[in-house]
Protein backbone atom coordinates (compact mmCIF):
# COMPACT_ATOMS: atom_id res chain seq x y z
CA MET A 1 -4.24 99.80 -5.56
CA ALA A 2 -5.55 96.52 -6.14
CA MET A 3 -3.93 94.46 -8.95
CA GLU A 4 -7.25 94.09 -10.91
CA ARG A 5 -7.78 97.78 -10.74
CA ARG A 6 -4.32 98.49 -11.89
CA GLU A 7 -4.65 95.97 -14.83
CA GLU A 8 -7.94 97.59 -15.77
CA ASN A 9 -6.55 101.08 -15.65
CA LEU A 10 -3.75 99.99 -18.09
CA PHE A 11 -6.05 98.09 -20.43
CA ARG A 12 -8.54 101.12 -20.72
CA GLU A 13 -5.80 103.07 -22.38
CA TRP A 14 -4.53 99.89 -24.44
CA LYS A 15 -8.07 99.08 -25.69
CA ARG A 16 -8.28 102.56 -27.44
CA LYS A 17 -5.89 101.14 -30.06
CA TYR A 18 -7.84 97.93 -30.76
CA GLY A 19 -11.42 98.28 -29.49
CA GLU A 20 -13.32 95.06 -29.10
CA GLN A 21 -10.29 93.22 -30.80
CA PHE A 22 -8.31 93.73 -27.59
CA ILE A 23 -7.81 90.51 -25.49
CA ALA A 24 -7.44 91.19 -21.79
CA ASP A 25 -5.07 88.94 -19.77
CA GLY A 26 -3.16 88.95 -16.55
CA VAL A 27 -3.78 87.89 -12.96
CA VAL A 28 -6.41 84.90 -13.11
CA ASN A 29 -7.63 85.41 -9.49
CA GLU A 30 -6.33 88.35 -7.50
CA ALA A 31 -7.01 86.85 -4.00
CA ALA A 32 -5.14 83.49 -5.04
CA PHE A 33 -2.33 85.46 -6.71
CA ASP A 34 -1.67 87.50 -3.57
CA ALA A 35 -1.64 84.31 -1.39
CA SER A 36 0.42 82.35 -3.91
CA PRO A 37 3.64 80.74 -2.49
CA LEU A 38 6.87 82.55 -3.65
CA PRO A 39 8.04 82.82 -6.29
CA ARG A 40 4.80 83.80 -8.01
CA LEU A 41 4.47 82.41 -11.57
CA VAL A 42 3.57 84.55 -14.62
CA PHE A 43 3.35 82.80 -17.91
CA VAL A 44 4.18 84.73 -21.06
CA LEU A 45 2.79 83.59 -24.52
CA LYS A 46 2.64 84.76 -27.93
CA GLU A 47 -1.06 85.37 -28.72
CA VAL A 48 -4.55 83.70 -28.39
CA ASP A 49 -5.86 81.63 -31.13
CA ASP A 50 -8.98 82.76 -32.97
CA CYS A 51 -11.52 84.02 -30.53
CA ALA A 52 -14.72 86.31 -30.28
CA PRO A 53 -14.46 89.94 -29.77
CA GLY A 54 -14.27 90.94 -26.01
CA PHE A 55 -12.67 87.73 -25.07
CA ASP A 56 -10.98 87.82 -21.53
CA LEU A 57 -8.23 85.21 -20.99
CA ARG A 58 -8.44 85.57 -17.24
CA SER A 59 -12.18 84.60 -17.13
CA PHE A 60 -11.45 81.79 -19.48
CA ILE A 61 -8.82 80.26 -17.36
CA GLU A 62 -10.68 80.83 -14.14
CA ALA A 63 -13.66 79.03 -15.53
CA GLY A 64 -11.33 75.88 -16.17
CA SER A 65 -10.22 76.83 -19.81
CA PRO A 66 -13.19 74.88 -21.23
CA LYS A 67 -13.32 73.47 -24.81
CA ASN A 68 -9.81 73.66 -26.56
CA GLY A 69 -8.22 75.21 -23.53
CA GLY A 70 -6.74 71.90 -22.50
CA HIS A 71 -4.16 71.85 -25.24
CA THR A 72 -2.35 74.71 -23.55
CA PHE A 73 -3.64 75.06 -19.97
CA ALA A 74 -3.69 71.38 -18.97
CA PRO A 75 0.13 71.16 -19.28
CA MET A 76 0.50 74.45 -17.63
CA ALA A 77 -1.41 73.21 -14.90
CA ARG A 78 0.91 70.15 -14.51
CA TRP A 79 3.87 72.50 -14.50
CA VAL A 80 2.36 74.46 -11.70
CA SER A 81 1.33 71.54 -9.64
CA ALA A 82 4.95 70.19 -9.91
CA VAL A 83 6.39 73.41 -8.64
CA ARG A 84 3.88 73.48 -5.82
CA GLY A 85 4.91 69.91 -4.67
CA ARG A 86 2.12 67.82 -6.09
CA GLU A 87 2.75 66.60 -9.66
CA ILE A 88 -0.24 65.39 -11.53
CA ASN A 89 -0.57 63.33 -14.85
CA PHE A 90 -3.87 64.76 -16.02
CA ALA A 91 -5.60 67.93 -15.45
CA PRO A 92 -9.39 68.08 -16.36
CA GLU A 93 -11.29 71.43 -16.23
CA GLU A 94 -11.99 71.55 -12.55
CA GLU A 95 -8.26 70.64 -11.63
CA ARG A 96 -6.96 73.32 -14.09
CA LYS A 97 -9.32 75.90 -12.45
CA ARG A 98 -7.91 75.09 -8.91
CA VAL A 99 -4.26 74.94 -9.88
CA LEU A 100 -4.16 77.91 -12.23
CA LEU A 101 -6.11 80.41 -10.05
CA PRO A 102 -2.92 81.75 -8.35
CA VAL A 103 -0.97 82.53 -11.65
CA ALA A 104 -0.92 85.15 -14.30
CA VAL A 105 -0.86 84.55 -17.92
CA MET A 106 -0.20 87.40 -20.41
CA ASN A 107 0.26 87.38 -24.21
CA LEU A 108 2.77 89.59 -26.01
CA LYS A 109 0.21 90.28 -28.82
CA LYS A 110 -3.09 91.61 -27.55
CA THR A 111 -5.26 90.78 -30.68
CA THR A 112 -6.23 87.27 -31.88
CA GLY A 113 -3.90 85.13 -34.02
CA GLY A 114 -4.14 81.75 -35.77
CA ALA A 115 -2.91 78.34 -35.20
CA ILE A 116 0.44 79.27 -36.45
CA THR A 117 2.21 82.43 -35.21
CA ARG A 118 3.79 84.56 -37.89
CA TYR A 119 6.92 85.99 -36.29
CA GLY A 120 6.93 89.17 -38.42
CA ALA A 121 3.42 90.10 -37.27
CA LEU A 122 4.29 89.15 -33.80
CA HIS A 123 7.43 91.24 -33.73
CA ALA A 124 5.67 94.21 -35.22
CA ALA A 125 2.80 93.99 -32.71
CA VAL A 126 5.12 93.70 -29.75
CA MET A 127 7.16 96.74 -30.90
CA ALA A 128 4.26 98.77 -31.40
CA ASP A 129 2.75 98.03 -27.90
CA ARG A 130 6.31 97.85 -26.23
CA GLU A 131 5.53 100.59 -23.64
CA PHE A 132 2.26 99.13 -22.73
CA LEU A 133 3.86 95.56 -22.39
CA LYS A 134 6.60 97.08 -20.32
CA GLU A 135 3.94 98.65 -17.88
CA GLN A 136 2.11 95.40 -17.57
CA ILE A 137 5.15 93.47 -16.64
CA ARG A 138 6.05 96.06 -13.98
CA LEU A 139 2.57 95.46 -12.34
CA TYR A 140 3.82 91.96 -11.24
CA LEU A 141 7.30 93.02 -9.96
CA ASP A 142 6.19 93.88 -6.34
CA LYS A 143 7.04 90.31 -4.93
CA PRO A 144 9.58 87.64 -6.09
CA THR A 145 8.23 86.33 -9.37
CA CYS A 146 9.43 83.99 -12.02
CA PHE A 147 8.28 84.90 -15.60
CA ALA A 148 8.09 81.70 -17.72
CA CYS A 149 8.47 82.81 -21.32
CA CYS A 150 7.02 79.92 -23.31
CA GLY A 151 9.10 79.68 -26.52
CA ASN A 152 12.37 81.08 -27.79
CA GLN A 153 10.72 84.01 -29.66
CA VAL A 154 8.72 84.83 -26.48
CA PHE A 155 11.82 84.96 -24.35
CA ASP A 156 13.80 87.03 -26.79
CA LEU A 157 11.07 89.54 -27.35
CA PHE A 158 10.38 89.80 -23.64
CA CYS A 159 14.12 90.74 -23.07
CA ASP A 160 13.84 93.39 -25.90
CA VAL A 161 10.65 94.89 -24.44
CA MET A 162 12.32 95.41 -21.13
CA GLY A 163 15.17 97.27 -22.68
CA GLY A 164 17.51 94.48 -24.04
CA LEU A 165 18.16 92.67 -20.84
CA PRO A 166 21.41 90.60 -20.84
CA VAL A 167 20.82 86.87 -20.87
CA GLU A 168 22.51 84.79 -18.18
CA ASN A 169 22.59 80.98 -17.84
CA CYS A 170 22.22 78.80 -14.76
CA SER A 171 22.68 75.17 -15.22
CA GLY A 172 21.37 75.21 -18.85
CA THR A 173 18.54 77.58 -18.14
CA ASP A 174 18.60 80.91 -19.89
CA TYR A 175 17.29 83.71 -17.74
CA CYS A 176 17.32 87.51 -17.41
CA ARG A 177 17.01 89.62 -14.32
CA LEU A 178 14.26 92.31 -13.98
CA ASP A 179 15.35 93.26 -10.57
CA GLY A 180 16.81 91.49 -7.61
CA ARG A 181 13.67 89.45 -6.81
CA CYS A 182 12.19 88.90 -10.34
CA LEU A 183 13.60 86.73 -13.14
CA ALA A 184 12.36 85.69 -16.57
CA PHE A 185 13.48 82.31 -18.16
CA ARG A 186 13.28 80.60 -21.54
CA PHE A 187 10.98 77.60 -21.55
CA TYR A 188 8.88 75.50 -23.97
CA HIS A 189 5.35 76.21 -24.99
CA PRO A 190 2.81 74.09 -23.24
CA ASN A 191 1.80 72.55 -26.52
CA ALA A 192 5.41 71.04 -26.97
CA LYS A 193 5.18 67.32 -27.54
CA ILE A 194 8.15 66.58 -25.01
CA GLY A 195 8.06 64.21 -22.13
CA GLY A 196 9.10 65.19 -18.57
CA LEU A 197 8.46 69.04 -19.04
CA ALA A 198 6.72 69.27 -15.67
CA SER A 199 9.89 68.04 -13.84
CA CYS A 200 11.99 70.33 -16.16
CA PHE A 201 9.84 73.38 -15.31
CA LYS A 202 10.08 72.64 -11.51
CA ALA A 203 13.80 72.38 -11.69
CA ALA A 204 14.11 75.60 -13.57
CA VAL A 205 12.04 77.44 -11.19
CA GLU A 206 13.83 75.92 -8.17
CA LYS A 207 17.21 76.97 -9.68
CA LEU A 208 16.08 80.54 -10.31
CA ASN A 209 14.38 80.78 -6.93
CA ARG A 210 17.76 80.07 -5.29
CA LEU A 211 19.21 83.00 -7.36
CA GLN A 212 16.44 85.31 -6.02
CA ALA A 213 17.16 84.22 -2.34
């Protein structure tokens, strides 16, 4: 079954809880995701900031993440470019669109949040949707994949969702194994004001890719 159809089948059930407040996410472009060099990249975030009912994160990123999307998705595009061998210093809308087509981006909380995430609300939402989240994550395990958990809380909650996965460390990078070919690792949020994160992201993915080989 095509990935987009599998996502939509899952989201159809999920939306019954939230109606129009549900925020769809996942694979930005199925053809590009299928053709992506391995390991495929899935970014895991907390939640989407304030947005209108019916918002679809996939369409937003595929359109180049216009307006305020540059705060999150321009750095993300730089990270992906570094992994794919062409590090860039700036990612306007058209460049973000091109670079981020082959990735997936999912939020742990499927309803809108604010500029500052409240951990209690995030944790409660994740635990309430745990089985749905687990099913979404499993959609992306058919090929070698790195799940970049953007933030300490995100990584810890990801491990909890998947059944309390044990955390390992490789040269300073915390990670957990989902199966023999797919790993999740702890990283920074794209909004983090830290220099050199594209190179750090590339190094982390390369280290974990060697573990997957």
